[in-house]
Amino acid sequence: MSTTTEVLRDWQGAKLCQRAVESLKRRGFKAKYFATSAEAREYILDEARAAKTIGCGGSLSMTEAGVYEAIQALGKKIMNHSTEGLSPEEKLEIRRAQLTCDLFLSGINALTADGEIVNIDGVGNRVAATIFGPKMVIMLAGRNKIVEGTLEEAVKRAKNVAAPMNAERLGCKTPCVTTGKCENCLSPENICRVTAVFSRPPKMTDIRVLIVNEDLGL
């Protein structure tokens, strides 16, 4: 049996991901485990083929899994407010249109091993679209998003790990960009304005949660 570090991390990661999937299922989510992001991407593409309009929530996990690039080849109407060259008015129009698309794609900021999902937003369009509106929502998370602790620990991860790096990526002038951790700021450029906790799937939204045994996103 191989005992390389990578093999052992994959072995332990698989156990953690599979446990999270079972917890999500107990809470009523349609959850699936994938060993690789390539497998998860194929699942998403299969669902995307039946959709006429696809909304993109700006997920680095989706980007790293090659999802956004792959759906471009399907010839669908893609609603991506992060497309370069858009005016503020055009971005706002796309964000509003995402709320009624056929398929909305989102990442996850943090997930407890007990099956609760945490997403934090600055504008709110991403969390809004995952709660109600689109005909189907697919959330993608790598093993690095799973925390063994409580919901409080998941929120802590979202604010202290994901948010500072996203603020840096987006060029925000917030205290967390200076310190690398959440400062509970009231900055005008704060991106932690809305926190959504999914303890169960919303009653009228078809949510699929895909967990991958790879590190994806922030």
C-alpha atoms as a PDB file:
ATOM      1  CA  MET A   1       0.000   0.000   0.000  1.00  0.00           C
ATOM      2  CA  SER A   2       1.279   3.443  -0.932  1.00  0.00           C
ATOM      3  CA  THR A   3       1.836   5.773   2.002  1.00  0.00           C
ATOM      4  CA  THR A   4       2.762   8.951   0.153  1.00  0.00           C
ATOM      5  CA  THR A   5       1.469  12.186   1.640  1.00  0.00           C
ATOM      6  CA  GLU A   6      -0.791  12.866  -1.337  1.00  0.00           C
ATOM      7  CA  VAL A   7      -2.372   9.411  -1.232  1.00  0.00           C
ATOM      8  CA  LEU A   8      -3.030   9.650   2.488  1.00  0.00           C
ATOM      9  CA  ARG A   9      -4.529  13.130   2.176  1.00  0.00           C
ATOM     10  CA  ASP A  10      -6.812  11.883  -0.584  1.00  0.00           C
ATOM     11  CA  TRP A  11      -7.834   8.922   1.565  1.00  0.00           C
ATOM     12  CA  GLN A  12      -8.669  11.130   4.546  1.00  0.00           C
ATOM     13  CA  GLY A  13     -10.289  13.748   2.315  1.00  0.00           C
ATOM     14  CA  ALA A  14     -12.572  11.129   0.795  1.00  0.00           C
ATOM     15  CA  LYS A  15     -13.755  10.079   4.246  1.00  0.00           C
ATOM     16  CA  LEU A  16     -14.481  13.689   5.209  1.00  0.00           C
ATOM     17  CA  CYS A  17     -16.277  14.471   1.945  1.00  0.00           C
ATOM     18  CA  GLN A  18     -18.389  11.319   2.073  1.00  0.00           C
ATOM     19  CA  ARG A  19     -19.382  12.059   5.658  1.00  0.00           C
ATOM     20  CA  ALA A  20     -20.424  15.586   4.673  1.00  0.00           C
ATOM     21  CA  VAL A  21     -22.490  14.210   1.786  1.00  0.00           C
ATOM     22  CA  GLU A  22     -24.324  11.818   4.074  1.00  0.00           C
ATOM     23  CA  SER A  23     -25.002  14.671   6.520  1.00  0.00           C
ATOM     24  CA  LEU A  24     -26.354  16.824   3.694  1.00  0.00           C
ATOM     25  CA  LYS A  25     -28.646  13.999   2.599  1.00  0.00           C
ATOM     26  CA  ARG A  26     -29.985  13.593   6.147  1.00  0.00           C
ATOM     27  CA  ARG A  27     -30.923  17.269   6.039  1.00  0.00           C
ATOM     28  CA  GLY A  28     -32.805  16.766   2.766  1.00  0.00           C
ATOM     29  CA  PHE A  29     -30.244  18.057   0.265  1.00  0.00           C
ATOM     30  CA  LYS A  30     -29.585  16.294  -3.035  1.00  0.00           C
ATOM     31  CA  ALA A  31     -25.883  15.751  -2.453  1.00  0.00           C
ATOM     32  CA  LYS A  32     -23.251  13.821  -4.399  1.00  0.00           C
ATOM     33  CA  TYR A  33     -19.618  12.931  -3.826  1.00  0.00           C
ATOM     34  CA  PHE A  34     -17.009  13.106  -6.592  1.00  0.00           C
ATOM     35  CA  ALA A  35     -13.401  11.973  -6.380  1.00  0.00           C
ATOM     36  CA  THR A  36     -12.311  14.585  -8.918  1.00  0.00           C
ATOM     37  CA  SER A  37     -13.454  17.976 -10.173  1.00  0.00           C
ATOM     38  CA  ALA A  38     -13.512  16.563 -13.715  1.00  0.00           C
ATOM     39  CA  GLU A  39     -16.249  14.129 -12.677  1.00  0.00           C
ATOM     40  CA  ALA A  40     -18.211  16.922 -11.000  1.00  0.00           C
ATOM     41  CA  ARG A  41     -17.842  19.060 -14.132  1.00  0.00           C
ATOM     42  CA  GLU A  42     -19.378  16.338 -16.295  1.00  0.00           C
ATOM     43  CA  TYR A  43     -22.339  16.080 -13.923  1.00  0.00           C
ATOM     44  CA  ILE A  44     -22.873  19.848 -14.135  1.00  0.00           C
ATOM     45  CA  LEU A  45     -22.618  19.798 -17.928  1.00  0.00           C
ATOM     46  CA  ASP A  46     -25.244  17.057 -18.122  1.00  0.00           C
ATOM     47  CA  GLU A  47     -27.646  19.226 -16.117  1.00  0.00           C
ATOM     48  CA  ALA A  48     -26.700  22.350 -18.077  1.00  0.00           C
ATOM     49  CA  ARG A  49     -27.703  20.790 -21.402  1.00  0.00           C
ATOM     50  CA  ALA A  50     -31.376  20.984 -20.413  1.00  0.00           C
ATOM     51  CA  ALA A  51     -31.131  24.650 -19.389  1.00  0.00           C
ATOM     52  CA  LYS A  52     -31.693  27.588 -21.721  1.00  0.00           C
ATOM     53  CA  THR A  53     -30.263  30.215 -19.360  1.00  0.00           C
ATOM     54  CA  ILE A  54     -27.382  29.684 -16.935  1.00  0.00           C
ATOM     55  CA  GLY A  55     -26.405  32.095 -14.183  1.00  0.00           C
ATOM     56  CA  CYS A  56     -22.850  32.208 -12.831  1.00  0.00           C
ATOM     57  CA  GLY A  57     -22.294  33.328  -9.249  1.00  0.00           C
ATOM     58  CA  GLY A  58     -18.618  34.150  -9.661  1.00  0.00           C
ATOM     59  CA  SER A  59     -17.320  30.952  -8.065  1.00  0.00           C
ATOM     60  CA  LEU A  60     -13.581  30.252  -8.172  1.00  0.00           C
ATOM     61  CA  SER A  61     -14.380  26.607  -7.457  1.00  0.00           C
ATOM     62  CA  MET A  62     -16.445  26.445 -10.654  1.00  0.00           C
ATOM     63  CA  THR A  63     -13.664  28.225 -12.542  1.00  0.00           C
ATOM     64  CA  GLU A  64     -10.937  25.883 -11.260  1.00  0.00           C
ATOM     65  CA  ALA A  65     -13.099  22.855 -12.096  1.00  0.00           C
ATOM     66  CA  GLY A  66     -13.321  24.131 -15.679  1.00  0.00           C
ATOM     67  CA  VAL A  67     -17.113  24.485 -15.514  1.00  0.00           C
ATOM     68  CA  TYR A  68     -17.513  28.019 -16.867  1.00  0.00           C
ATOM     69  CA  GLU A  69     -15.205  27.336 -19.782  1.00  0.00           C
ATOM     70  CA  ALA A  70     -17.000  24.099 -20.626  1.00  0.00           C
ATOM     71  CA  ILE A  71     -20.529  25.541 -20.586  1.00  0.00           C
ATOM     72  CA  GLN A  72     -19.483  28.232 -23.059  1.00  0.00           C
ATOM     73  CA  ALA A  73     -19.291  25.468 -25.661  1.00  0.00           C
ATOM     74  CA  LEU A  74     -22.917  24.444 -25.068  1.00  0.00           C
ATOM     75  CA  GLY A  75     -24.321  27.501 -26.810  1.00  0.00           C
ATOM     76  CA  LYS A  76     -26.496  28.550 -23.879  1.00  0.00           C
ATOM     77  CA  LYS A  77     -27.291  32.056 -22.693  1.00  0.00           C
ATOM     78  CA  ILE A  78     -24.693  32.640 -19.973  1.00  0.00           C
ATOM     79  CA  MET A  79     -25.422  35.252 -17.307  1.00  0.00           C
ATOM     80  CA  ASN A  80     -22.038  36.140 -15.849  1.00  0.00           C
ATOM     81  CA  HIS A  81     -21.728  39.550 -14.204  1.00  0.00           C
ATOM     82  CA  SER A  82     -17.946  39.042 -13.917  1.00  0.00           C
ATOM     83  CA  THR A  83     -17.437  39.209 -17.681  1.00  0.00           C
ATOM     84  CA  GLU A  84     -14.797  41.785 -18.541  1.00  0.00           C
ATOM     85  CA  GLY A  85     -15.866  45.069 -20.091  1.00  0.00           C
ATOM     86  CA  LEU A  86     -19.343  45.264 -18.555  1.00  0.00           C
ATOM     87  CA  SER A  87     -20.609  48.586 -17.243  1.00  0.00           C
ATOM     88  CA  PRO A  88     -22.013  48.808 -13.681  1.00  0.00           C
ATOM     89  CA  GLU A  89     -25.507  49.034 -15.189  1.00  0.00           C
ATOM     90  CA  GLU A  90     -24.955  45.901 -17.274  1.00  0.00           C
ATOM     91  CA  LYS A  91     -23.625  43.995 -14.254  1.00  0.00           C
ATOM     92  CA  LEU A  92     -26.703  44.956 -12.254  1.00  0.00           C
ATOM     93  CA  GLU A  93     -29.015  43.841 -15.056  1.00  0.00           C
ATOM     94  CA  ILE A  94     -27.274  40.464 -15.238  1.00  0.00           C
ATOM     95  CA  ARG A  95     -27.422  40.006 -11.466  1.00  0.00           C
ATOM     96  CA  ARG A  96     -31.179  40.577 -11.566  1.00  0.00           C
ATOM     97  CA  ALA A  97     -31.612  38.209 -14.501  1.00  0.00           C
ATOM     98  CA  GLN A  98     -29.733  35.463 -12.598  1.00  0.00           C
ATOM     99  CA  LEU A  99     -32.645  35.315 -10.153  1.00  0.00           C
ATOM    100  CA  THR A 100     -34.898  33.707 -12.748  1.00  0.00           C
ATOM    101  CA  CYS A 101     -32.462  31.622 -14.791  1.00  0.00           C
ATOM    102  CA  ASP A 102     -32.941  27.911 -15.477  1.00  0.00           C
ATOM    103  CA  LEU A 103     -29.694  26.914 -13.756  1.00  0.00           C
ATOM    104  CA  PHE A 104     -27.621  28.884 -11.271  1.00  0.00           C
ATOM    105  CA  LEU A 105     -24.061  27.842 -10.421  1.00  0.00           C
ATOM    106  CA  SER A 106     -22.505  28.760  -7.091  1.00  0.00           C
ATOM    107  CA  GLY A 107     -19.623  27.888  -4.840  1.00  0.00           C
ATOM    108  CA  ILE A 108     -19.715  27.458  -1.071  1.00  0.00           C
ATOM    109  CA  ASN A 109     -17.743  29.499   1.464  1.00  0.00           C
ATOM    110  CA  ALA A 110     -17.948  26.913   4.240  1.00  0.00           C
ATOM    111  CA  LEU A 111     -19.698  23.651   5.034  1.00  0.00           C
ATOM    112  CA  THR A 112     -19.914  21.813   8.328  1.00  0.00           C
ATOM    113  CA  ALA A 113     -19.315  18.073   8.390  1.00  0.00           C
ATOM    114  CA  ASP A 114     -22.823  17.985   9.888  1.00  0.00           C
ATOM    115  CA  GLY A 115     -24.260  19.318   6.630  1.00  0.00           C
ATOM    116  CA  GLU A 116     -24.898  23.038   7.117  1.00  0.00           C
ATOM    117  CA  ILE A 117     -23.861  25.438   4.347  1.00  0.00           C
ATOM    118  CA  VAL A 118     -22.624  29.005   4.824  1.00  0.00           C
ATOM    119  CA  ASN A 119     -22.350  31.625   2.078  1.00  0.00           C
ATOM    120  CA  ILE A 120     -21.459  35.280   2.603  1.00  0.00           C
ATOM    121  CA  ASP A 121     -22.094  38.026   0.060  1.00  0.00           C
ATOM    122  CA  GLY A 122     -21.472  41.706  -0.464  1.00  0.00           C
ATOM    123  CA  VAL A 123     -24.149  42.460  -3.077  1.00  0.00           C
ATOM    124  CA  GLY A 124     -26.447  39.565  -2.167  1.00  0.00           C
ATOM    125  CA  ASN A 125     -27.301  38.371  -5.674  1.00  0.00           C
ATOM    126  CA  ARG A 126     -25.472  35.084  -5.195  1.00  0.00           C
ATOM    127  CA  VAL A 127     -27.198  34.094  -1.957  1.00  0.00           C
ATOM    128  CA  ALA A 128     -30.530  35.382  -3.287  1.00  0.00           C
ATOM    129  CA  ALA A 129     -30.290  33.173  -6.378  1.00  0.00           C
ATOM    130  CA  THR A 130     -29.440  30.101  -4.311  1.00  0.00           C
ATOM    131  CA  ILE A 131     -32.491  30.567  -2.077  1.00  0.00           C
ATOM    132  CA  PHE A 132     -35.364  31.114  -4.517  1.00  0.00           C
ATOM    133  CA  GLY A 133     -35.916  31.851  -8.197  1.00  0.00           C
ATOM    134  CA  PRO A 134     -33.792  29.657 -10.507  1.00  0.00           C
ATOM    135  CA  LYS A 135     -35.281  26.327 -11.548  1.00  0.00           C
ATOM    136  CA  MET A 136     -32.150  24.531 -10.360  1.00  0.00           C
ATOM    137  CA  VAL A 137     -29.160  25.513  -8.233  1.00  0.00           C
ATOM    138  CA  ILE A 138     -25.881  23.614  -8.205  1.00  0.00           C
ATOM    139  CA  MET A 139     -23.403  24.346  -5.425  1.00  0.00           C
ATOM    140  CA  LEU A 140     -19.848  23.047  -5.711  1.00  0.00           C
ATOM    141  CA  ALA A 141     -17.391  22.671  -2.846  1.00  0.00           C
ATOM    142  CA  GLY A 142     -13.951  21.147  -2.474  1.00  0.00           C
ATOM    143  CA  ARG A 143     -12.836  19.347   0.670  1.00  0.00           C
ATOM    144  CA  ASN A 144     -11.074  22.496   1.883  1.00  0.00           C
ATOM    145  CA  LYS A 145     -14.478  24.120   2.519  1.00  0.00           C
ATOM    146  CA  ILE A 146     -15.514  21.498   5.095  1.00  0.00           C
ATOM    147  CA  VAL A 147     -15.037  22.254   8.800  1.00  0.00           C
ATOM    148  CA  GLU A 148     -15.239  19.602  11.488  1.00  0.00           C
ATOM    149  CA  GLY A 149     -16.663  22.023  14.055  1.00  0.00           C
ATOM    150  CA  THR A 150     -19.935  23.829  14.589  1.00  0.00           C
ATOM    151  CA  LEU A 151     -21.867  26.272  12.442  1.00  0.00           C
ATOM    152  CA  GLU A 152     -19.992  29.027  14.271  1.00  0.00           C
ATOM    153  CA  GLU A 153     -16.730  27.531  13.013  1.00  0.00           C
ATOM    154  CA  ALA A 154     -18.097  27.502   9.466  1.00  0.00           C
ATOM    155  CA  VAL A 155     -19.001  31.198   9.673  1.00  0.00           C
ATOM    156  CA  LYS A 156     -15.551  31.849  11.107  1.00  0.00           C
ATOM    157  CA  ARG A 157     -13.961  30.095   8.132  1.00  0.00           C
ATOM    158  CA  ALA A 158     -16.051  32.078   5.667  1.00  0.00           C
ATOM    159  CA  LYS A 159     -15.104  35.390   7.264  1.00  0.00           C
ATOM    160  CA  ASN A 160     -11.467  34.708   8.139  1.00  0.00           C
ATOM    161  CA  VAL A 161     -10.354  32.509   5.246  1.00  0.00           C
ATOM    162  CA  ALA A 162     -12.574  33.111   2.216  1.00  0.00           C
ATOM    163  CA  ALA A 163     -13.551  36.752   2.699  1.00  0.00           C
ATOM    164  CA  PRO A 164     -10.076  38.326   3.111  1.00  0.00           C
ATOM    165  CA  MET A 165      -8.749  36.507   0.051  1.00  0.00           C
ATOM    166  CA  ASN A 166     -11.821  37.443  -1.975  1.00  0.00           C
ATOM    167  CA  ALA A 167     -11.454  41.058  -0.873  1.00  0.00           C
ATOM    168  CA  GLU A 168      -7.822  41.005  -2.022  1.00  0.00           C
ATOM    169  CA  ARG A 169      -8.818  39.337  -5.310  1.00  0.00           C
ATOM    170  CA  LEU A 170     -11.496  41.965  -5.960  1.00  0.00           C
ATOM    171  CA  GLY A 171      -9.211  44.867  -5.097  1.00  0.00           C
ATOM    172  CA  CYS A 172     -11.258  46.013  -2.092  1.00  0.00           C
ATOM    173  CA  LYS A 173      -9.863  48.541   0.356  1.00  0.00           C
ATOM    174  CA  THR A 174     -10.939  46.782   3.546  1.00  0.00           C
ATOM    175  CA  PRO A 175      -9.094  46.187   6.841  1.00  0.00           C
ATOM    176  CA  CYS A 176      -8.965  42.425   6.173  1.00  0.00           C
ATOM    177  CA  VAL A 177      -6.814  43.071   3.087  1.00  0.00           C
ATOM    178  CA  THR A 178      -4.265  44.701   5.377  1.00  0.00           C
ATOM    179  CA  THR A 179      -4.352  42.114   8.172  1.00  0.00           C
ATOM    180  CA  GLY A 180      -5.393  38.946   6.308  1.00  0.00           C
ATOM    181  CA  LYS A 181      -8.250  38.242   8.731  1.00  0.00           C
ATOM    182  CA  CYS A 182     -11.732  39.510   9.478  1.00  0.00           C
ATOM    183  CA  GLU A 183     -11.803  42.774  11.428  1.00  0.00           C
ATOM    184  CA  ASN A 184     -15.620  42.996  11.630  1.00  0.00           C
ATOM    185  CA  CYS A 185     -15.324  46.244   9.730  1.00  0.00           C
ATOM    186  CA  LEU A 186     -17.899  48.805   8.669  1.00  0.00           C
ATOM    187  CA  SER A 187     -15.923  49.709   5.569  1.00  0.00           C
ATOM    188  CA  PRO A 188     -17.910  51.011   2.568  1.00  0.00           C
ATOM    189  CA  GLU A 189     -16.252  48.223   0.567  1.00  0.00           C
ATOM    190  CA  ASN A 190     -17.150  45.470   3.048  1.00  0.00           C
ATOM    191  CA  ILE A 191     -18.064  42.235   1.218  1.00  0.00           C
ATOM    192  CA  CYS A 192     -19.558  40.433   4.250  1.00  0.00           C
ATOM    193  CA  ARG A 193     -22.948  42.151   4.256  1.00  0.00           C
ATOM    194  CA  VAL A 194     -25.245  39.136   3.892  1.00  0.00           C
ATOM    195  CA  THR A 195     -24.784  35.736   5.524  1.00  0.00           C
ATOM    196  CA  ALA A 196     -26.943  32.812   4.382  1.00  0.00           C
ATOM    197  CA  VAL A 197     -27.081  29.597   6.416  1.00  0.00           C
ATOM    198  CA  PHE A 198     -28.657  26.568   4.759  1.00  0.00           C
ATOM    199  CA  SER A 199     -29.708  24.117   7.461  1.00  0.00           C
ATOM    200  CA  ARG A 200     -32.199  22.496   5.085  1.00  0.00           C
ATOM    201  CA  PRO A 201     -32.859  23.080   1.381  1.00  0.00           C
ATOM    202  CA  PRO A 202     -35.448  25.817   0.720  1.00  0.00           C
ATOM    203  CA  LYS A 203     -38.810  24.157   0.027  1.00  0.00           C
ATOM    204  CA  MET A 204     -39.273  25.380  -3.546  1.00  0.00           C
ATOM    205  CA  THR A 205     -35.688  25.302  -4.820  1.00  0.00           C
ATOM    206  CA  ASP A 206     -34.020  22.297  -6.441  1.00  0.00           C
ATOM    207  CA  ILE A 207     -30.539  22.449  -4.914  1.00  0.00           C
ATOM    208  CA  ARG A 208     -27.791  19.986  -5.824  1.00  0.00           C
ATOM    209  CA  VAL A 209     -24.678  20.058  -3.611  1.00  0.00           C
ATOM    210  CA  LEU A 210     -21.546  18.531  -5.141  1.00  0.00           C
ATOM    211  CA  ILE A 211     -18.612  17.714  -2.854  1.00  0.00           C
ATOM    212  CA  VAL A 212     -15.220  17.035  -4.452  1.00  0.00           C
ATOM    213  CA  ASN A 213     -12.192  15.403  -2.891  1.00  0.00           C
ATOM    214  CA  GLU A 214      -9.907  18.206  -4.088  1.00  0.00           C
ATOM    215  CA  ASP A 215      -9.054  21.655  -2.804  1.00  0.00           C
ATOM    216  CA  LEU A 216     -11.137  24.123  -4.824  1.00  0.00           C
ATOM    217  CA  GLY A 217     -11.528  27.863  -4.470  1.00  0.00           C
ATOM    218  CA  LEU A 218     -10.821  29.953  -1.396  1.00  0.00           C
END
